[in-house]
Amino acid sequence: MASLIFPFLAQLAQMILVLLIAPLVTGILRKVKARLTRRRGASVFQPYYDLWKLMRKDIVPAPHASWFYRAAPYIVFAMTWVAAALVPTFATGLGFNWAADLIAIVGLLATARFALALAGMDIGTSFGGLGASREMMIATFAEPAMLMVMFTVAMQAGTTQLSSIAVYLITQPLALRISLALALISFTIVLLAENARIPVDNPSTHLELTMVHEAMVLEYSGRHLALIEAAAFLKLVLYMSIFACLFVPFGMASASAGGAAVLLGIGAYILKLAGGAFALAVGETSVAKMRVFRVSEFLGIGLVLGLLAMLLLFVIAGVQ
C-alpha cells in the first residue's frame, strides 16, 4: 500500500516545490546579475515580497475589457503550474507520470500563451496589441523549434514521456551525441525567447519600443498581476526543469526508491536550478539585447538547429 501512495505523495511534493522555489530562482538570478554589474541588488527573497504586496492590493480593471481579461491570469497561472508540476524534477515514476508527455506540455504552454496574447488585445490599447503581435511572432519560431528538440530526444528514447526519457538517458553510457548537442543549443535559444530573457527581451525594462511580455500585462494590477508574475517565475523553472530532465538528468531518484533517495534528488535538483540561474545571469550580463527585427533571425537559428538535430538522427539511424 505504501508503495502505491508514495509516488502520489512525491508528485504532490513536486507540485508544491516548483511553486515555492520559482520566485527564489528569479531572486537568485537578479541578485547574481546585480553583483556582476557591481550593484548590491535586492534580496533573493524580494520576488516573494512583491507577490505578497500585489496579492493584498485592489484590482483596477481596464475599461471596456471583457470577462476574458479577468479570467486570463487564472488560465495562464493554472496552465503553467500544471505543466511545471508534470515535468520530472527530482524523481522519476511519480504519480502522474503518465501525463508528463512532451506534446501535452507544449500544448499547455501554447494555451497559456494564447490566453495572455488574447488578453493583451482585449484591453484595446496600442501596447497590448504590440506585445501580442510580438509574442505571436516569437511563438511562430519558438514552438516549432521546441517540437524539433522534443522529437529529437523522443526518437532516441522511443517515447515522448519525460520520465521514461530521463530513465533512458540516465541508464545510457556517456557518449558524444551530435544530435543532442544541436538540440541542446536549440533548446537554449528557445528558453531565452520563451522567458523574455536577454538577448530576445529585457524583463526589467518598460520601454515601449522593446517590450514584448511586459506590453501585454501593463493594464493588470493587484492579484491578477501577481498571478501573471508567478506564472512567469514558474515558466522559467519549467524550462530549467525540462533542460535538466533532458540534458542533465543525473541525480534524479525513483519515486519508489525511498525517502533518502528522494531527498538527495531534491538537493540535486535545487543545485541544478541554482547553477542554471547563475549561468543565465552570466549570459545576460555578457551580451546586449538585440533589435526586435533581429529576433526572428535568432529564433530561426534555433529552428534550423532543431531540424538538423532530428535529420542527423535519421541519418545516423539509417547508417547503423
C-alpha atoms as a PDB file:
ATOM      1  CA  MET A   1       0.000   0.000   0.000  1.00  0.00           C
ATOM      2  CA  ALA A   2       2.808   2.406   0.870  1.00  0.00           C
ATOM      3  CA  SER A   3       4.487   1.736  -2.463  1.00  0.00           C
ATOM      4  CA  LEU A   4       1.296   2.887  -4.220  1.00  0.00           C
ATOM      5  CA  ILE A   5       0.784   6.020  -2.147  1.00  0.00           C
ATOM      6  CA  PHE A   6       4.400   7.221  -2.122  1.00  0.00           C
ATOM      7  CA  PRO A   7       4.544   8.179  -5.855  1.00  0.00           C
ATOM      8  CA  PHE A   8       1.458  10.363  -5.421  1.00  0.00           C
ATOM      9  CA  LEU A   9       2.921  11.972  -2.309  1.00  0.00           C
ATOM     10  CA  ALA A  10       6.110  12.657  -4.258  1.00  0.00           C
ATOM     11  CA  GLN A  11       4.014  14.176  -7.044  1.00  0.00           C
ATOM     12  CA  LEU A  12       2.272  16.439  -4.537  1.00  0.00           C
ATOM     13  CA  ALA A  13       5.659  17.425  -3.102  1.00  0.00           C
ATOM     14  CA  GLN A  14       6.860  18.318  -6.599  1.00  0.00           C
ATOM     15  CA  MET A  15       3.789  20.500  -7.235  1.00  0.00           C
ATOM     16  CA  ILE A  16       4.445  22.411  -4.027  1.00  0.00           C
ATOM     17  CA  LEU A  17       8.210  22.534  -4.575  1.00  0.00           C
ATOM     18  CA  VAL A  18       8.091  24.151  -8.025  1.00  0.00           C
ATOM     19  CA  LEU A  19       5.544  26.689  -6.775  1.00  0.00           C
ATOM     20  CA  LEU A  20       7.590  27.657  -3.724  1.00  0.00           C
ATOM     21  CA  ILE A  21      11.020  27.688  -5.347  1.00  0.00           C
ATOM     22  CA  ALA A  22      10.093  29.572  -8.535  1.00  0.00           C
ATOM     23  CA  PRO A  23      10.328  33.097  -7.021  1.00  0.00           C
ATOM     24  CA  LEU A  24      13.610  32.154  -5.334  1.00  0.00           C
ATOM     25  CA  VAL A  25      15.188  31.168  -8.665  1.00  0.00           C
ATOM     26  CA  THR A  26      14.277  34.554 -10.115  1.00  0.00           C
ATOM     27  CA  GLY A  27      15.598  36.243  -6.962  1.00  0.00           C
ATOM     28  CA  ILE A  28      18.935  34.437  -7.274  1.00  0.00           C
ATOM     29  CA  LEU A  29      19.118  35.367 -10.952  1.00  0.00           C
ATOM     30  CA  ARG A  30      18.531  39.050 -10.199  1.00  0.00           C
ATOM     31  CA  LYS A  31      20.994  39.008  -7.307  1.00  0.00           C
ATOM     32  CA  VAL A  32      23.783  37.465  -9.390  1.00  0.00           C
ATOM     33  CA  LYS A  33      23.155  39.961 -12.196  1.00  0.00           C
ATOM     34  CA  ALA A  34      23.367  42.819  -9.709  1.00  0.00           C
ATOM     35  CA  ARG A  35      26.631  41.525  -8.264  1.00  0.00           C
ATOM     36  CA  LEU A  36      28.133  41.027 -11.715  1.00  0.00           C
ATOM     37  CA  THR A  37      27.350  44.660 -12.541  1.00  0.00           C
ATOM     38  CA  ARG A  38      28.812  45.831  -9.193  1.00  0.00           C
ATOM     39  CA  ARG A  39      25.497  46.637  -7.560  1.00  0.00           C
ATOM     40  CA  ARG A  40      24.203  45.410  -4.222  1.00  0.00           C
ATOM     41  CA  GLY A  41      20.862  44.309  -5.592  1.00  0.00           C
ATOM     42  CA  ALA A  42      17.691  43.360  -3.788  1.00  0.00           C
ATOM     43  CA  SER A  43      17.331  40.347  -1.544  1.00  0.00           C
ATOM     44  CA  VAL A  44      16.882  36.968  -3.193  1.00  0.00           C
ATOM     45  CA  PHE A  45      13.514  36.841  -1.408  1.00  0.00           C
ATOM     46  CA  GLN A  46      12.304  40.085  -2.992  1.00  0.00           C
ATOM     47  CA  PRO A  47      10.026  38.263  -5.509  1.00  0.00           C
ATOM     48  CA  TYR A  48       8.130  36.748  -2.562  1.00  0.00           C
ATOM     49  CA  TYR A  49       7.640  40.220  -1.065  1.00  0.00           C
ATOM     50  CA  ASP A  50       6.462  41.572  -4.426  1.00  0.00           C
ATOM     51  CA  LEU A  51       3.912  38.792  -4.881  1.00  0.00           C
ATOM     52  CA  TRP A  52       2.617  39.249  -1.331  1.00  0.00           C
ATOM     53  CA  LYS A  53       2.285  43.005  -1.847  1.00  0.00           C
ATOM     54  CA  LEU A  54       0.425  42.564  -5.129  1.00  0.00           C
ATOM     55  CA  MET A  55      -1.928  39.973  -3.644  1.00  0.00           C
ATOM     56  CA  ARG A  56      -3.047  42.469  -0.999  1.00  0.00           C
ATOM     57  CA  LYS A  57      -3.695  45.305  -3.457  1.00  0.00           C
ATOM     58  CA  ASP A  58      -7.032  46.052  -5.081  1.00  0.00           C
ATOM     59  CA  ILE A  59      -7.651  45.323  -8.739  1.00  0.00           C
ATOM     60  CA  VAL A  60      -8.045  48.285 -11.095  1.00  0.00           C
ATOM     61  CA  PRO A  61      -9.738  46.757 -14.150  1.00  0.00           C
ATOM     62  CA  ALA A  62      -9.107  48.139 -17.614  1.00  0.00           C
ATOM     63  CA  PRO A  63     -12.106  49.996 -19.055  1.00  0.00           C
ATOM     64  CA  HIS A  64     -14.119  48.202 -21.747  1.00  0.00           C
ATOM     65  CA  ALA A  65     -12.336  44.902 -21.052  1.00  0.00           C
ATOM     66  CA  SER A  66     -14.366  41.721 -21.350  1.00  0.00           C
ATOM     67  CA  TRP A  67     -14.652  38.820 -18.930  1.00  0.00           C
ATOM     68  CA  PHE A  68     -11.697  37.110 -20.614  1.00  0.00           C
ATOM     69  CA  TYR A  69      -9.393  39.890 -19.439  1.00  0.00           C
ATOM     70  CA  ARG A  70     -10.219  38.935 -15.841  1.00  0.00           C
ATOM     71  CA  ALA A  71     -10.054  35.180 -16.471  1.00  0.00           C
ATOM     72  CA  ALA A  72      -6.746  35.184 -18.383  1.00  0.00           C
ATOM     73  CA  PRO A  73      -4.417  35.468 -15.327  1.00  0.00           C
ATOM     74  CA  TYR A  74      -6.008  32.393 -13.754  1.00  0.00           C
ATOM     75  CA  ILE A  75      -5.766  30.440 -17.028  1.00  0.00           C
ATOM     76  CA  VAL A  76      -2.120  31.407 -17.547  1.00  0.00           C
ATOM     77  CA  PHE A  77      -1.149  30.555 -13.971  1.00  0.00           C
ATOM     78  CA  ALA A  78      -3.051  27.241 -13.924  1.00  0.00           C
ATOM     79  CA  MET A  79      -1.662  26.029 -17.253  1.00  0.00           C
ATOM     80  CA  THR A  80       1.900  26.985 -16.365  1.00  0.00           C
ATOM     81  CA  TRP A  81       1.707  25.424 -12.906  1.00  0.00           C
ATOM     82  CA  VAL A  82       0.285  22.163 -14.248  1.00  0.00           C
ATOM     83  CA  ALA A  83       2.997  21.994 -16.930  1.00  0.00           C
ATOM     84  CA  ALA A  84       5.748  22.724 -14.386  1.00  0.00           C
ATOM     85  CA  ALA A  85       4.359  20.117 -11.982  1.00  0.00           C
ATOM     86  CA  LEU A  86       4.307  17.418 -14.669  1.00  0.00           C
ATOM     87  CA  VAL A  87       7.990  17.739 -15.631  1.00  0.00           C
ATOM     88  CA  PRO A  88      10.100  15.255 -13.602  1.00  0.00           C
ATOM     89  CA  THR A  89      12.391  17.272 -11.372  1.00  0.00           C
ATOM     90  CA  PHE A  90      13.912  15.302  -8.500  1.00  0.00           C
ATOM     91  CA  ALA A  91      12.448  11.845  -9.191  1.00  0.00           C
ATOM     92  CA  THR A  92      11.022   9.667 -11.950  1.00  0.00           C
ATOM     93  CA  GLY A  93       7.956   7.470 -11.784  1.00  0.00           C
ATOM     94  CA  LEU A  94       5.742   9.990  -9.967  1.00  0.00           C
ATOM     95  CA  GLY A  95       2.001   9.601  -9.552  1.00  0.00           C
ATOM     96  CA  PHE A  96       1.073  11.497 -12.714  1.00  0.00           C
ATOM     97  CA  ASN A  97       3.992  10.133 -14.690  1.00  0.00           C
ATOM     98  CA  TRP A  98       1.614   9.017 -17.465  1.00  0.00           C
ATOM     99  CA  ALA A  99       0.556  12.631 -18.099  1.00  0.00           C
ATOM    100  CA  ALA A 100       4.119  14.030 -18.320  1.00  0.00           C
ATOM    101  CA  ASP A 101       4.147  13.913 -22.112  1.00  0.00           C
ATOM    102  CA  LEU A 102       6.224  16.315 -24.176  1.00  0.00           C
ATOM    103  CA  ILE A 103       3.385  17.113 -26.561  1.00  0.00           C
ATOM    104  CA  ALA A 104       0.979  17.754 -23.683  1.00  0.00           C
ATOM    105  CA  ILE A 105       3.421  20.153 -22.010  1.00  0.00           C
ATOM    106  CA  VAL A 106       3.942  22.088 -25.251  1.00  0.00           C
ATOM    107  CA  GLY A 107       0.149  22.261 -25.609  1.00  0.00           C
ATOM    108  CA  LEU A 108      -0.289  23.617 -22.081  1.00  0.00           C
ATOM    109  CA  LEU A 109       2.319  26.311 -22.698  1.00  0.00           C
ATOM    110  CA  ALA A 110       0.699  27.220 -26.025  1.00  0.00           C
ATOM    111  CA  THR A 111      -2.675  27.580 -24.288  1.00  0.00           C
ATOM    112  CA  ALA A 112      -1.187  29.912 -21.671  1.00  0.00           C
ATOM    113  CA  ARG A 113       0.494  31.992 -24.391  1.00  0.00           C
ATOM    114  CA  PHE A 114      -2.746  32.220 -26.375  1.00  0.00           C
ATOM    115  CA  ALA A 115      -4.697  33.352 -23.311  1.00  0.00           C
ATOM    116  CA  LEU A 116      -2.167  36.056 -22.430  1.00  0.00           C
ATOM    117  CA  ALA A 117      -1.926  37.357 -26.003  1.00  0.00           C
ATOM    118  CA  LEU A 118      -5.707  37.435 -26.341  1.00  0.00           C
ATOM    119  CA  ALA A 119      -5.975  39.335 -23.057  1.00  0.00           C
ATOM    120  CA  GLY A 120      -3.374  41.809 -24.314  1.00  0.00           C
ATOM    121  CA  MET A 121      -5.514  42.537 -27.366  1.00  0.00           C
ATOM    122  CA  ASP A 122      -8.746  42.526 -25.374  1.00  0.00           C
ATOM    123  CA  ILE A 123      -7.846  45.673 -23.426  1.00  0.00           C
ATOM    124  CA  GLY A 124      -7.744  47.638 -26.681  1.00  0.00           C
ATOM    125  CA  THR A 125      -4.518  49.578 -26.079  1.00  0.00           C
ATOM    126  CA  SER A 126      -1.700  50.014 -28.564  1.00  0.00           C
ATOM    127  CA  PHE A 127       0.805  48.467 -26.146  1.00  0.00           C
ATOM    128  CA  GLY A 128      -1.342  45.368 -25.677  1.00  0.00           C
ATOM    129  CA  GLY A 129      -1.650  44.798 -29.416  1.00  0.00           C
ATOM    130  CA  LEU A 130       2.058  45.453 -29.923  1.00  0.00           C
ATOM    131  CA  GLY A 131       3.064  42.944 -27.256  1.00  0.00           C
ATOM    132  CA  ALA A 132       0.576  40.329 -28.503  1.00  0.00           C
ATOM    133  CA  SER A 133       1.802  40.588 -32.095  1.00  0.00           C
ATOM    134  CA  ARG A 134       5.430  40.273 -31.000  1.00  0.00           C
ATOM    135  CA  GLU A 135       4.554  37.322 -28.761  1.00  0.00           C
ATOM    136  CA  MET A 136       2.912  35.524 -31.674  1.00  0.00           C
ATOM    137  CA  MET A 137       5.919  36.271 -33.876  1.00  0.00           C
ATOM    138  CA  ILE A 138       8.186  34.659 -31.302  1.00  0.00           C
ATOM    139  CA  ALA A 139       5.819  31.701 -30.983  1.00  0.00           C
ATOM    140  CA  THR A 140       5.931  31.140 -34.756  1.00  0.00           C
ATOM    141  CA  PHE A 141       9.616  30.197 -34.465  1.00  0.00           C
ATOM    142  CA  ALA A 142       9.940  29.044 -30.846  1.00  0.00           C
ATOM    143  CA  GLU A 143       7.199  26.416 -30.799  1.00  0.00           C
ATOM    144  CA  PRO A 144       8.388  24.521 -33.925  1.00  0.00           C
ATOM    145  CA  ALA A 145      11.959  24.648 -32.605  1.00  0.00           C
ATOM    146  CA  MET A 146      10.731  23.289 -29.284  1.00  0.00           C
ATOM    147  CA  LEU A 147       8.919  20.465 -31.051  1.00  0.00           C
ATOM    148  CA  MET A 148      12.018  19.595 -33.088  1.00  0.00           C
ATOM    149  CA  VAL A 149      14.043  19.333 -29.878  1.00  0.00           C
ATOM    150  CA  MET A 150      11.358  17.197 -28.270  1.00  0.00           C
ATOM    151  CA  PHE A 151      11.138  14.864 -31.261  1.00  0.00           C
ATOM    152  CA  THR A 152      14.925  14.510 -31.379  1.00  0.00           C
ATOM    153  CA  VAL A 153      15.107  13.357 -27.777  1.00  0.00           C
ATOM    154  CA  ALA A 154      11.918  11.298 -28.026  1.00  0.00           C
ATOM    155  CA  MET A 155      13.178   9.403 -31.080  1.00  0.00           C
ATOM    156  CA  GLN A 156      16.317   8.387 -29.213  1.00  0.00           C
ATOM    157  CA  ALA A 157      14.374   7.180 -26.177  1.00  0.00           C
ATOM    158  CA  GLY A 158      11.489   5.716 -28.168  1.00  0.00           C
ATOM    159  CA  THR A 159       8.856   7.620 -26.196  1.00  0.00           C
ATOM    160  CA  THR A 160       7.539  11.124 -25.600  1.00  0.00           C
ATOM    161  CA  GLN A 161       7.063  10.525 -21.871  1.00  0.00           C
ATOM    162  CA  LEU A 162       9.519  12.700 -19.967  1.00  0.00           C
ATOM    163  CA  SER A 163      10.030  10.292 -17.087  1.00  0.00           C
ATOM    164  CA  SER A 164      10.883   7.422 -19.443  1.00  0.00           C
ATOM    165  CA  ILE A 165      13.224   9.687 -21.413  1.00  0.00           C
ATOM    166  CA  ALA A 166      15.052  10.654 -18.216  1.00  0.00           C
ATOM    167  CA  VAL A 167      15.409   6.993 -17.206  1.00  0.00           C
ATOM    168  CA  TYR A 168      16.726   6.135 -20.680  1.00  0.00           C
ATOM    169  CA  LEU A 169      19.313   8.921 -20.631  1.00  0.00           C
ATOM    170  CA  ILE A 170      20.457   8.028 -17.100  1.00  0.00           C
ATOM    171  CA  THR A 171      20.951   4.359 -17.944  1.00  0.00           C
ATOM    172  CA  GLN A 172      22.772   5.009 -21.233  1.00  0.00           C
ATOM    173  CA  PRO A 173      26.597   5.230 -21.163  1.00  0.00           C
ATOM    174  CA  LEU A 174      28.112   8.671 -21.548  1.00  0.00           C
ATOM    175  CA  ALA A 175      28.859   9.431 -25.188  1.00  0.00           C
ATOM    176  CA  LEU A 176      29.123  12.402 -27.518  1.00  0.00           C
ATOM    177  CA  ARG A 177      25.869  12.666 -29.469  1.00  0.00           C
ATOM    178  CA  ILE A 178      25.908  15.407 -32.110  1.00  0.00           C
ATOM    179  CA  SER A 179      22.122  15.383 -32.422  1.00  0.00           C
ATOM    180  CA  LEU A 180      21.709  16.007 -28.689  1.00  0.00           C
ATOM    181  CA  ALA A 181      24.320  18.776 -28.814  1.00  0.00           C
ATOM    182  CA  LEU A 182      22.399  20.545 -31.588  1.00  0.00           C
ATOM    183  CA  ALA A 183      19.153  20.025 -29.683  1.00  0.00           C
ATOM    184  CA  LEU A 184      20.790  21.498 -26.582  1.00  0.00           C
ATOM    185  CA  ILE A 185      21.754  24.704 -28.406  1.00  0.00           C
ATOM    186  CA  SER A 186      18.312  24.958 -29.988  1.00  0.00           C
ATOM    187  CA  PHE A 187      16.575  24.466 -26.642  1.00  0.00           C
ATOM    188  CA  THR A 188      18.767  27.133 -25.036  1.00  0.00           C
ATOM    189  CA  ILE A 189      17.646  29.624 -27.685  1.00  0.00           C
ATOM    190  CA  VAL A 190      14.011  28.677 -27.083  1.00  0.00           C
ATOM    191  CA  LEU A 191      14.484  29.025 -23.314  1.00  0.00           C
ATOM    192  CA  LEU A 192      15.772  32.575 -23.690  1.00  0.00           C
ATOM    193  CA  ALA A 193      12.964  33.559 -26.045  1.00  0.00           C
ATOM    194  CA  GLU A 194      10.107  31.944 -24.135  1.00  0.00           C
ATOM    195  CA  ASN A 195      11.145  33.511 -20.838  1.00  0.00           C
ATOM    196  CA  ALA A 196      11.722  37.001 -22.270  1.00  0.00           C
ATOM    197  CA  ARG A 197      15.402  36.991 -21.385  1.00  0.00           C
ATOM    198  CA  ILE A 198      18.278  38.876 -22.979  1.00  0.00           C
ATOM    199  CA  PRO A 199      19.083  38.982 -25.928  1.00  0.00           C
ATOM    200  CA  VAL A 200      15.451  38.469 -27.017  1.00  0.00           C
ATOM    201  CA  ASP A 201      13.805  40.689 -24.398  1.00  0.00           C
ATOM    202  CA  ASN A 202      14.766  42.545 -21.247  1.00  0.00           C
ATOM    203  CA  PRO A 203      12.426  41.613 -18.381  1.00  0.00           C
ATOM    204  CA  SER A 204      13.397  44.690 -16.357  1.00  0.00           C
ATOM    205  CA  THR A 205      12.576  47.308 -19.000  1.00  0.00           C
ATOM    206  CA  HIS A 206       9.367  49.216 -19.653  1.00  0.00           C
ATOM    207  CA  LEU A 207      10.380  50.974 -22.871  1.00  0.00           C
ATOM    208  CA  GLU A 208       7.595  50.693 -25.417  1.00  0.00           C
ATOM    209  CA  LEU A 209       9.979  50.069 -28.319  1.00  0.00           C
ATOM    210  CA  THR A 210      11.493  46.957 -26.736  1.00  0.00           C
ATOM    211  CA  MET A 211       8.699  45.427 -24.666  1.00  0.00           C
ATOM    212  CA  VAL A 212       7.256  42.030 -25.533  1.00  0.00           C
ATOM    213  CA  HIS A 213       5.889  40.329 -22.436  1.00  0.00           C
ATOM    214  CA  GLU A 214       5.531  43.486 -20.363  1.00  0.00           C
ATOM    215  CA  ALA A 215       3.437  45.205 -23.050  1.00  0.00           C
ATOM    216  CA  MET A 216       0.656  42.635 -22.659  1.00  0.00           C
ATOM    217  CA  VAL A 217       0.359  42.998 -18.880  1.00  0.00           C
ATOM    218  CA  LEU A 218       0.659  46.756 -18.398  1.00  0.00           C
ATOM    219  CA  GLU A 219      -3.039  47.109 -17.552  1.00  0.00           C
ATOM    220  CA  TYR A 220      -3.053  44.368 -14.914  1.00  0.00           C
ATOM    221  CA  SER A 221      -2.845  45.111 -11.204  1.00  0.00           C
ATOM    222  CA  GLY A 222      -3.417  43.521  -7.822  1.00  0.00           C
ATOM    223  CA  ARG A 223      -3.808  39.769  -7.603  1.00  0.00           C
ATOM    224  CA  HIS A 224      -4.170  39.485 -11.388  1.00  0.00           C
ATOM    225  CA  LEU A 225      -0.680  40.888 -11.840  1.00  0.00           C
ATOM    226  CA  ALA A 226       0.567  38.661  -9.008  1.00  0.00           C
ATOM    227  CA  LEU A 227      -0.736  35.576 -10.835  1.00  0.00           C
ATOM    228  CA  ILE A 228       0.923  36.647 -14.094  1.00  0.00           C
ATOM    229  CA  GLU A 229       4.219  37.332 -12.325  1.00  0.00           C
ATOM    230  CA  ALA A 230       4.024  33.978 -10.511  1.00  0.00           C
ATOM    231  CA  ALA A 231       3.331  32.273 -13.854  1.00  0.00           C
ATOM    232  CA  ALA A 232       6.451  33.935 -15.318  1.00  0.00           C
ATOM    233  CA  PHE A 233       8.524  32.641 -12.387  1.00  0.00           C
ATOM    234  CA  LEU A 234       7.061  29.158 -12.858  1.00  0.00           C
ATOM    235  CA  LYS A 235       7.728  29.235 -16.592  1.00  0.00           C
ATOM    236  CA  LEU A 236      11.421  29.879 -16.014  1.00  0.00           C
ATOM    237  CA  VAL A 237      11.594  26.980 -13.564  1.00  0.00           C
ATOM    238  CA  LEU A 238       9.641  24.834 -16.023  1.00  0.00           C
ATOM    239  CA  TYR A 239      12.155  25.355 -18.823  1.00  0.00           C
ATOM    240  CA  MET A 240      15.080  24.844 -16.470  1.00  0.00           C
ATOM    241  CA  SER A 241      13.445  21.609 -15.287  1.00  0.00           C
ATOM    242  CA  ILE A 242      12.996  20.392 -18.864  1.00  0.00           C
ATOM    243  CA  PHE A 243      16.629  21.296 -19.547  1.00  0.00           C
ATOM    244  CA  ALA A 244      17.741  19.310 -16.503  1.00  0.00           C
ATOM    245  CA  CYS A 245      15.470  16.387 -17.350  1.00  0.00           C
ATOM    246  CA  LEU A 246      16.568  16.088 -20.984  1.00  0.00           C
ATOM    247  CA  PHE A 247      20.232  17.073 -20.855  1.00  0.00           C
ATOM    248  CA  VAL A 248      21.357  16.775 -17.202  1.00  0.00           C
ATOM    249  CA  PRO A 249      19.136  14.022 -15.746  1.00  0.00           C
ATOM    250  CA  PHE A 250      21.786  12.754 -13.357  1.00  0.00           C
ATOM    251  CA  GLY A 251      20.932  12.774  -9.670  1.00  0.00           C
ATOM    252  CA  MET A 252      17.251  12.026 -10.171  1.00  0.00           C
ATOM    253  CA  ALA A 253      15.816   9.357  -7.913  1.00  0.00           C
ATOM    254  CA  SER A 254      12.988   6.933  -8.411  1.00  0.00           C
ATOM    255  CA  ALA A 255       9.748   7.691  -6.602  1.00  0.00           C
ATOM    256  CA  SER A 256       9.777   4.162  -5.211  1.00  0.00           C
ATOM    257  CA  ALA A 257      13.402   4.359  -4.022  1.00  0.00           C
ATOM    258  CA  GLY A 258      12.566   5.709  -0.592  1.00  0.00           C
ATOM    259  CA  GLY A 259      12.740   8.974   1.302  1.00  0.00           C
ATOM    260  CA  ALA A 260      16.535   9.268   1.446  1.00  0.00           C
ATOM    261  CA  ALA A 261      16.937   8.921  -2.322  1.00  0.00           C
ATOM    262  CA  VAL A 262      14.160  11.448  -2.914  1.00  0.00           C
ATOM    263  CA  LEU A 263      15.809  13.954  -0.569  1.00  0.00           C
ATOM    264  CA  LEU A 264      19.086  13.538  -2.458  1.00  0.00           C
ATOM    265  CA  GLY A 265      17.173  14.069  -5.692  1.00  0.00           C
ATOM    266  CA  ILE A 266      15.639  17.271  -4.330  1.00  0.00           C
ATOM    267  CA  GLY A 267      19.103  18.509  -3.351  1.00  0.00           C
ATOM    268  CA  ALA A 268      20.475  17.731  -6.812  1.00  0.00           C
ATOM    269  CA  TYR A 269      17.502  19.488  -8.427  1.00  0.00           C
ATOM    270  CA  ILE A 270      17.989  22.620  -6.335  1.00  0.00           C
ATOM    271  CA  LEU A 271      21.676  22.686  -7.280  1.00  0.00           C
ATOM    272  CA  LYS A 272      20.744  22.391 -10.963  1.00  0.00           C
ATOM    273  CA  LEU A 273      18.326  25.318 -10.648  1.00  0.00           C
ATOM    274  CA  ALA A 274      20.933  27.427  -8.842  1.00  0.00           C
ATOM    275  CA  GLY A 275      23.534  26.587 -11.486  1.00  0.00           C
ATOM    276  CA  GLY A 276      21.074  27.419 -14.264  1.00  0.00           C
ATOM    277  CA  ALA A 277      20.204  30.763 -12.661  1.00  0.00           C
ATOM    278  CA  PHE A 278      23.894  31.614 -12.291  1.00  0.00           C
ATOM    279  CA  ALA A 279      24.681  30.647 -15.902  1.00  0.00           C
ATOM    280  CA  LEU A 280      21.704  32.650 -17.161  1.00  0.00           C
ATOM    281  CA  ALA A 281      22.804  35.698 -15.166  1.00  0.00           C
ATOM    282  CA  VAL A 282      26.336  35.473 -16.559  1.00  0.00           C
ATOM    283  CA  GLY A 283      24.985  35.160 -20.080  1.00  0.00           C
ATOM    284  CA  GLU A 284      22.644  38.131 -19.717  1.00  0.00           C
ATOM    285  CA  THR A 285      25.389  40.386 -18.414  1.00  0.00           C
ATOM    286  CA  SER A 286      27.739  39.323 -21.220  1.00  0.00           C
ATOM    287  CA  VAL A 287      25.533  40.166 -24.200  1.00  0.00           C
ATOM    288  CA  ALA A 288      23.308  43.057 -25.219  1.00  0.00           C
ATOM    289  CA  LYS A 289      19.672  42.948 -26.189  1.00  0.00           C
ATOM    290  CA  MET A 290      19.190  42.645 -29.926  1.00  0.00           C
ATOM    291  CA  ARG A 291      16.757  44.653 -32.013  1.00  0.00           C
ATOM    292  CA  VAL A 292      13.241  43.292 -32.269  1.00  0.00           C
ATOM    293  CA  PHE A 293      13.643  42.765 -36.002  1.00  0.00           C
ATOM    294  CA  ARG A 294      16.662  40.520 -35.371  1.00  0.00           C
ATOM    295  CA  VAL A 295      14.737  38.212 -33.029  1.00  0.00           C
ATOM    296  CA  SER A 296      13.250  36.246 -35.921  1.00  0.00           C
ATOM    297  CA  GLU A 297      16.751  35.549 -37.244  1.00  0.00           C
ATOM    298  CA  PHE A 298      17.924  34.445 -33.800  1.00  0.00           C
ATOM    299  CA  LEU A 299      14.953  32.112 -33.374  1.00  0.00           C
ATOM    300  CA  GLY A 300      15.368  30.905 -36.952  1.00  0.00           C
ATOM    301  CA  ILE A 301      18.812  29.642 -35.983  1.00  0.00           C
ATOM    302  CA  GLY A 302      17.228  27.653 -33.146  1.00  0.00           C
ATOM    303  CA  LEU A 303      14.612  26.213 -35.502  1.00  0.00           C
ATOM    304  CA  VAL A 304      17.238  25.189 -38.079  1.00  0.00           C
ATOM    305  CA  LEU A 305      19.438  23.601 -35.411  1.00  0.00           C
ATOM    306  CA  GLY A 306      16.481  21.638 -34.049  1.00  0.00           C
ATOM    307  CA  LEU A 307      15.608  20.452 -37.553  1.00  0.00           C
ATOM    308  CA  LEU A 308      19.231  19.482 -38.224  1.00  0.00           C
ATOM    309  CA  ALA A 309      19.337  17.546 -34.958  1.00  0.00           C
ATOM    310  CA  MET A 310      16.318  15.478 -35.987  1.00  0.00           C
ATOM    311  CA  LEU A 311      17.583  14.942 -39.540  1.00  0.00           C
ATOM    312  CA  LEU A 312      21.015  13.920 -38.255  1.00  0.00           C
ATOM    313  CA  LEU A 313      19.361  11.395 -36.015  1.00  0.00           C
ATOM    314  CA  PHE A 314      17.581   9.895 -39.035  1.00  0.00           C
ATOM    315  CA  VAL A 315      20.876   9.747 -40.970  1.00  0.00           C
ATOM    316  CA  ILE A 316      22.718   8.031 -38.100  1.00  0.00           C
ATOM    317  CA  ALA A 317      19.897   5.519 -37.665  1.00  0.00           C
ATOM    318  CA  GLY A 318      19.976   4.774 -41.401  1.00  0.00           C
ATOM    319  CA  VAL A 319      23.729   4.219 -41.413  1.00  0.00           C
ATOM    320  CA  GLN A 320      23.560   1.886 -38.451  1.00  0.00           C
END
